[in-house]
Amino acid sequence: MSYPLYDYLLNKAKESTKQIDLDEFCLTLNGICHLENQQDHYNEIYALMLHYETLHNNSILLSVPFEGKLMPGNKQTKNILYNNTKLPSLFRQILYEYILYYQNEV
């Protein structure tokens, strides 16, 4: 299954030697909620998660990847809480590259 953005971010993640500051990383991810196009980013991040899961879990999609917790709330929008420490380090790096990619696009 082809996903050009994922492939690009994966290559950047594998090339990167930068250590991620987890506090800054979490603040930046949480800051997406203040952007006008926040839902687009959340959708893209979730698509990246699902793609990563299909590639690393024998093409089996888990309903909530990386031990995410479904939060109570609106039935039309499913809020999921993720613990950064539960994300695989490679996927964390992919997300970091997504943030850099988006910041360079602005």
Protein backbone atom coordinates (compact mmCIF):
# COMPACT_ATOMS: atom_id res chain seq x y z
CA MET A 1 0.00 0.00 0.00
CA SER A 2 1.51 3.29 -1.09
CA TYR A 3 1.51 6.31 1.22
CA PRO A 4 4.02 8.85 -0.14
CA LEU A 5 3.97 11.14 2.91
CA TYR A 6 4.63 8.21 5.25
CA ASP A 7 7.47 6.99 3.03
CA TYR A 8 9.01 10.46 2.94
CA LEU A 9 8.74 10.89 6.73
CA LEU A 10 10.11 7.39 7.34
CA ASN A 11 13.17 8.12 5.21
CA LYS A 12 13.74 11.41 7.04
CA ALA A 13 13.31 9.65 10.40
CA LYS A 14 15.86 6.99 9.48
CA GLU A 15 18.35 9.66 8.32
CA SER A 16 17.92 11.82 11.41
CA THR A 17 20.45 11.73 14.21
CA LYS A 18 18.69 14.37 16.30
CA GLN A 19 17.53 13.36 19.76
CA ILE A 20 13.89 14.32 20.35
CA ASP A 21 13.14 16.50 23.36
CA LEU A 22 9.99 14.70 24.60
CA ASP A 23 8.62 17.71 26.48
CA GLU A 24 8.91 19.95 23.42
CA PHE A 25 7.55 17.17 21.22
CA CYS A 26 4.45 16.75 23.40
CA LEU A 27 3.85 20.49 23.63
CA THR A 28 4.08 20.81 19.86
CA LEU A 29 1.68 17.92 19.27
CA ASN A 30 -0.76 19.31 21.82
CA GLY A 31 -0.43 22.74 20.18
CA ILE A 32 -2.05 21.40 17.03
CA CYS A 33 -5.41 21.83 18.75
CA HIS A 34 -4.98 25.61 18.37
CA LEU A 35 -4.53 25.54 14.60
CA GLU A 36 -7.33 26.37 12.18
CA ASN A 37 -6.92 23.08 10.34
CA GLN A 38 -6.47 20.97 13.46
CA GLN A 39 -8.79 18.19 12.31
CA ASP A 40 -6.79 17.75 9.11
CA HIS A 41 -3.64 17.26 11.20
CA TYR A 42 -5.33 14.85 13.58
CA ASN A 43 -6.66 12.86 10.62
CA GLU A 44 -3.22 12.76 9.00
CA ILE A 45 -1.51 11.72 12.25
CA TYR A 46 -4.06 8.96 12.78
CA ALA A 47 -3.56 7.79 9.19
CA LEU A 48 0.20 7.68 9.83
CA MET A 49 -0.45 5.60 12.96
CA LEU A 50 -2.68 3.15 11.13
CA HIS A 51 -0.21 2.83 8.27
CA TYR A 52 2.63 2.17 10.71
CA GLU A 53 0.51 -0.46 12.45
CA THR A 54 -0.36 -2.26 9.22
CA LEU A 55 3.30 -2.40 8.24
CA HIS A 56 4.52 -3.59 11.66
CA ASN A 57 1.62 -5.79 12.75
CA ASN A 58 1.23 -8.18 9.77
CA SER A 59 -1.40 -5.94 8.15
CA ILE A 60 -3.72 -6.34 11.12
CA LEU A 61 -5.27 -3.06 12.23
CA LEU A 62 -5.90 -2.66 15.91
CA SER A 63 -8.94 -0.57 16.73
CA VAL A 64 -6.84 1.79 18.85
CA PRO A 65 -3.13 1.55 18.09
CA PHE A 66 -0.33 2.02 20.62
CA GLU A 67 -2.52 1.31 23.65
CA GLY A 68 -4.54 4.50 23.14
CA LYS A 69 -7.46 5.03 25.50
CA LEU A 70 -10.90 5.97 24.19
CA MET A 71 -12.10 8.97 26.14
CA PRO A 72 -15.74 9.56 27.01
CA GLY A 73 -17.41 12.27 25.00
CA ASN A 74 -19.24 12.98 21.79
CA LYS A 75 -20.14 9.81 19.88
CA GLN A 76 -19.43 11.47 16.53
CA THR A 77 -15.88 12.45 17.45
CA LYS A 78 -13.89 9.77 19.17
CA ASN A 79 -11.27 11.32 21.39
CA ILE A 80 -8.29 9.09 21.99
CA LEU A 81 -5.59 9.71 24.57
CA TYR A 82 -2.09 8.47 23.82
CA ASN A 83 0.80 8.09 26.20
CA ASN A 84 3.94 9.22 24.42
CA THR A 85 5.98 6.49 26.11
CA LYS A 86 3.78 3.85 24.44
CA LEU A 87 4.67 5.07 20.95
CA PRO A 88 7.46 3.10 19.29
CA SER A 89 10.60 5.23 19.00
CA LEU A 90 10.60 4.99 15.20
CA PHE A 91 7.00 6.18 15.04
CA ARG A 92 7.80 9.00 17.47
CA GLN A 93 10.57 10.05 15.08
CA ILE A 94 8.11 9.88 12.16
CA LEU A 95 5.75 12.19 14.04
CA TYR A 96 8.62 14.53 14.80
CA GLU A 97 9.45 14.63 11.10
CA TYR A 98 5.76 15.34 10.38
CA ILE A 99 5.94 18.36 12.67
CA LEU A 100 9.10 19.60 10.95
CA TYR A 101 7.50 18.98 7.55
CA TYR A 102 4.41 20.97 8.46
CA GLN A 103 6.41 23.83 10.02
CA ASN A 104 8.45 24.12 6.81
CA GLU A 105 5.26 24.22 4.72
CA VAL A 106 3.86 27.22 6.61
